Amino acid sequence: MSNTENWNKFLLLIKEELSGQAYQTWFESINILGLENNEITIEVPNRFHYEWLDSKYSNLILQSLKKVFDRSISVKYSVII
């Protein structure tokens, strides 16, 4: 299964866990940039977005990634410039 397909499954898992508004605010605008050496790079719109995801949703993100990709994956954020 491709990284894009797994990413879409990840987003569906997240969507099931959150209210529609929370999902739309924090997860609709993020994208996978790549997955290399068990580290996923996620593109976020700005630094505040990254800080919010990291502080409020870090556990949910890591657990969902592990479930979908079937291994532990660390997260790196890339802010859109």
C-alpha atoms as a PDB file:
ATOM      1  CA  MET A   1       0.000   0.000   0.000  1.00  0.00           C
ATOM      2  CA  SER A   2       1.352   3.443  -0.905  1.00  0.00           C
ATOM      3  CA  ASN A   3       2.153   6.203   1.555  1.00  0.00           C
ATOM      4  CA  THR A   4      -0.691   8.259   0.105  1.00  0.00           C
ATOM      5  CA  GLU A   5      -3.200   5.458   0.664  1.00  0.00           C
ATOM      6  CA  ASN A   6      -1.959   4.968   4.215  1.00  0.00           C
ATOM      7  CA  TRP A   7      -2.112   8.727   4.794  1.00  0.00           C
ATOM      8  CA  ASN A   8      -5.750   8.776   3.702  1.00  0.00           C
ATOM      9  CA  LYS A   9      -6.500   5.896   6.097  1.00  0.00           C
ATOM     10  CA  PHE A  10      -4.729   7.840   8.844  1.00  0.00           C
ATOM     11  CA  LEU A  11      -6.924  10.873   8.186  1.00  0.00           C
ATOM     12  CA  LEU A  12     -10.059   8.697   8.339  1.00  0.00           C
ATOM     13  CA  LEU A  13      -8.994   7.333  11.733  1.00  0.00           C
ATOM     14  CA  ILE A  14      -8.398  10.858  13.006  1.00  0.00           C
ATOM     15  CA  LYS A  15     -11.752  12.005  11.638  1.00  0.00           C
ATOM     16  CA  GLU A  16     -13.525   9.257  13.603  1.00  0.00           C
ATOM     17  CA  GLU A  17     -11.916  10.451  16.852  1.00  0.00           C
ATOM     18  CA  LEU A  18     -12.645  14.171  16.584  1.00  0.00           C
ATOM     19  CA  SER A  19     -15.580  16.490  16.159  1.00  0.00           C
ATOM     20  CA  GLY A  20     -16.158  17.664  12.596  1.00  0.00           C
ATOM     21  CA  GLN A  21     -15.010  21.164  13.462  1.00  0.00           C
ATOM     22  CA  ALA A  22     -11.788  20.023  15.159  1.00  0.00           C
ATOM     23  CA  TYR A  23     -10.950  17.762  12.224  1.00  0.00           C
ATOM     24  CA  GLN A  24     -11.663  20.499   9.699  1.00  0.00           C
ATOM     25  CA  THR A  25      -9.638  23.079  11.632  1.00  0.00           C
ATOM     26  CA  TRP A  26      -6.543  21.005  12.392  1.00  0.00           C
ATOM     27  CA  PHE A  27      -6.337  18.083   9.954  1.00  0.00           C
ATOM     28  CA  GLU A  28      -7.953  18.995   6.616  1.00  0.00           C
ATOM     29  CA  SER A  29      -5.123  21.352   5.704  1.00  0.00           C
ATOM     30  CA  ILE A  30      -2.179  19.050   6.481  1.00  0.00           C
ATOM     31  CA  ASN A  31      -0.441  16.784   3.973  1.00  0.00           C
ATOM     32  CA  ILE A  32       2.185  14.087   3.922  1.00  0.00           C
ATOM     33  CA  LEU A  33       5.427  15.195   2.300  1.00  0.00           C
ATOM     34  CA  GLY A  34       7.274  11.945   2.736  1.00  0.00           C
ATOM     35  CA  LEU A  35       8.085   8.902   4.828  1.00  0.00           C
ATOM     36  CA  GLU A  36      11.690   7.877   5.253  1.00  0.00           C
ATOM     37  CA  ASN A  37      13.439   5.785   7.916  1.00  0.00           C
ATOM     38  CA  ASN A  38      10.286   5.569  10.053  1.00  0.00           C
ATOM     39  CA  GLU A  39       9.927   9.361  10.107  1.00  0.00           C
ATOM     40  CA  ILE A  40       6.958  11.027   8.451  1.00  0.00           C
ATOM     41  CA  THR A  41       7.125  14.639   7.338  1.00  0.00           C
ATOM     42  CA  ILE A  42       3.816  16.470   7.593  1.00  0.00           C
ATOM     43  CA  GLU A  43       3.220  19.806   5.886  1.00  0.00           C
ATOM     44  CA  VAL A  44       1.323  22.345   8.011  1.00  0.00           C
ATOM     45  CA  PRO A  45       0.108  25.860   7.097  1.00  0.00           C
ATOM     46  CA  ASN A  46       1.995  27.758   9.833  1.00  0.00           C
ATOM     47  CA  ARG A  47       4.003  27.487  13.049  1.00  0.00           C
ATOM     48  CA  PHE A  48       0.943  27.898  15.296  1.00  0.00           C
ATOM     49  CA  HIS A  49      -0.741  24.983  13.513  1.00  0.00           C
ATOM     50  CA  TYR A  50       2.314  22.808  14.107  1.00  0.00           C
ATOM     51  CA  GLU A  51       2.534  23.802  17.784  1.00  0.00           C
ATOM     52  CA  TRP A  52      -1.169  23.087  18.327  1.00  0.00           C
ATOM     53  CA  LEU A  53      -0.993  19.655  16.691  1.00  0.00           C
ATOM     54  CA  ASP A  54       2.141  18.798  18.630  1.00  0.00           C
ATOM     55  CA  SER A  55       0.760  19.901  21.996  1.00  0.00           C
ATOM     56  CA  LYS A  56      -2.880  18.773  21.703  1.00  0.00           C
ATOM     57  CA  TYR A  57      -2.928  15.837  19.286  1.00  0.00           C
ATOM     58  CA  SER A  58       0.538  14.283  19.471  1.00  0.00           C
ATOM     59  CA  ASN A  59      -0.600  11.021  21.103  1.00  0.00           C
ATOM     60  CA  LEU A  60      -3.556  10.620  18.751  1.00  0.00           C
ATOM     61  CA  ILE A  61      -1.324  11.260  15.741  1.00  0.00           C
ATOM     62  CA  LEU A  62       1.362   8.789  16.849  1.00  0.00           C
ATOM     63  CA  GLN A  63      -1.142   6.059  17.761  1.00  0.00           C
ATOM     64  CA  SER A  64      -3.030   6.479  14.477  1.00  0.00           C
ATOM     65  CA  LEU A  65       0.178   6.422  12.432  1.00  0.00           C
ATOM     66  CA  LYS A  66       1.301   3.245  14.196  1.00  0.00           C
ATOM     67  CA  LYS A  67      -2.053   1.590  13.520  1.00  0.00           C
ATOM     68  CA  VAL A  68      -2.105   2.495   9.823  1.00  0.00           C
ATOM     69  CA  PHE A  69       1.567   2.030   8.942  1.00  0.00           C
ATOM     70  CA  ASP A  70       1.933  -0.996  11.262  1.00  0.00           C
ATOM     71  CA  ARG A  71       5.065   0.378  12.946  1.00  0.00           C
ATOM     72  CA  SER A  72       6.149   3.229  15.189  1.00  0.00           C
ATOM     73  CA  ILE A  73       6.744   6.404  13.235  1.00  0.00           C
ATOM     74  CA  SER A  74       8.139   9.702  14.463  1.00  0.00           C
ATOM     75  CA  VAL A  75       6.725  12.958  13.162  1.00  0.00           C
ATOM     76  CA  LYS A  76       8.509  15.929  11.668  1.00  0.00           C
ATOM     77  CA  TYR A  77       6.579  19.042  10.671  1.00  0.00           C
ATOM     78  CA  SER A  78       7.311  21.302   7.731  1.00  0.00           C
ATOM     79  CA  VAL A  79       5.732  24.761   7.688  1.00  0.00           C
ATOM     80  CA  ILE A  80       4.497  26.060   4.330  1.00  0.00           C
ATOM     81  CA  ILE A  81       6.507  29.129   3.398  1.00  0.00           C
END
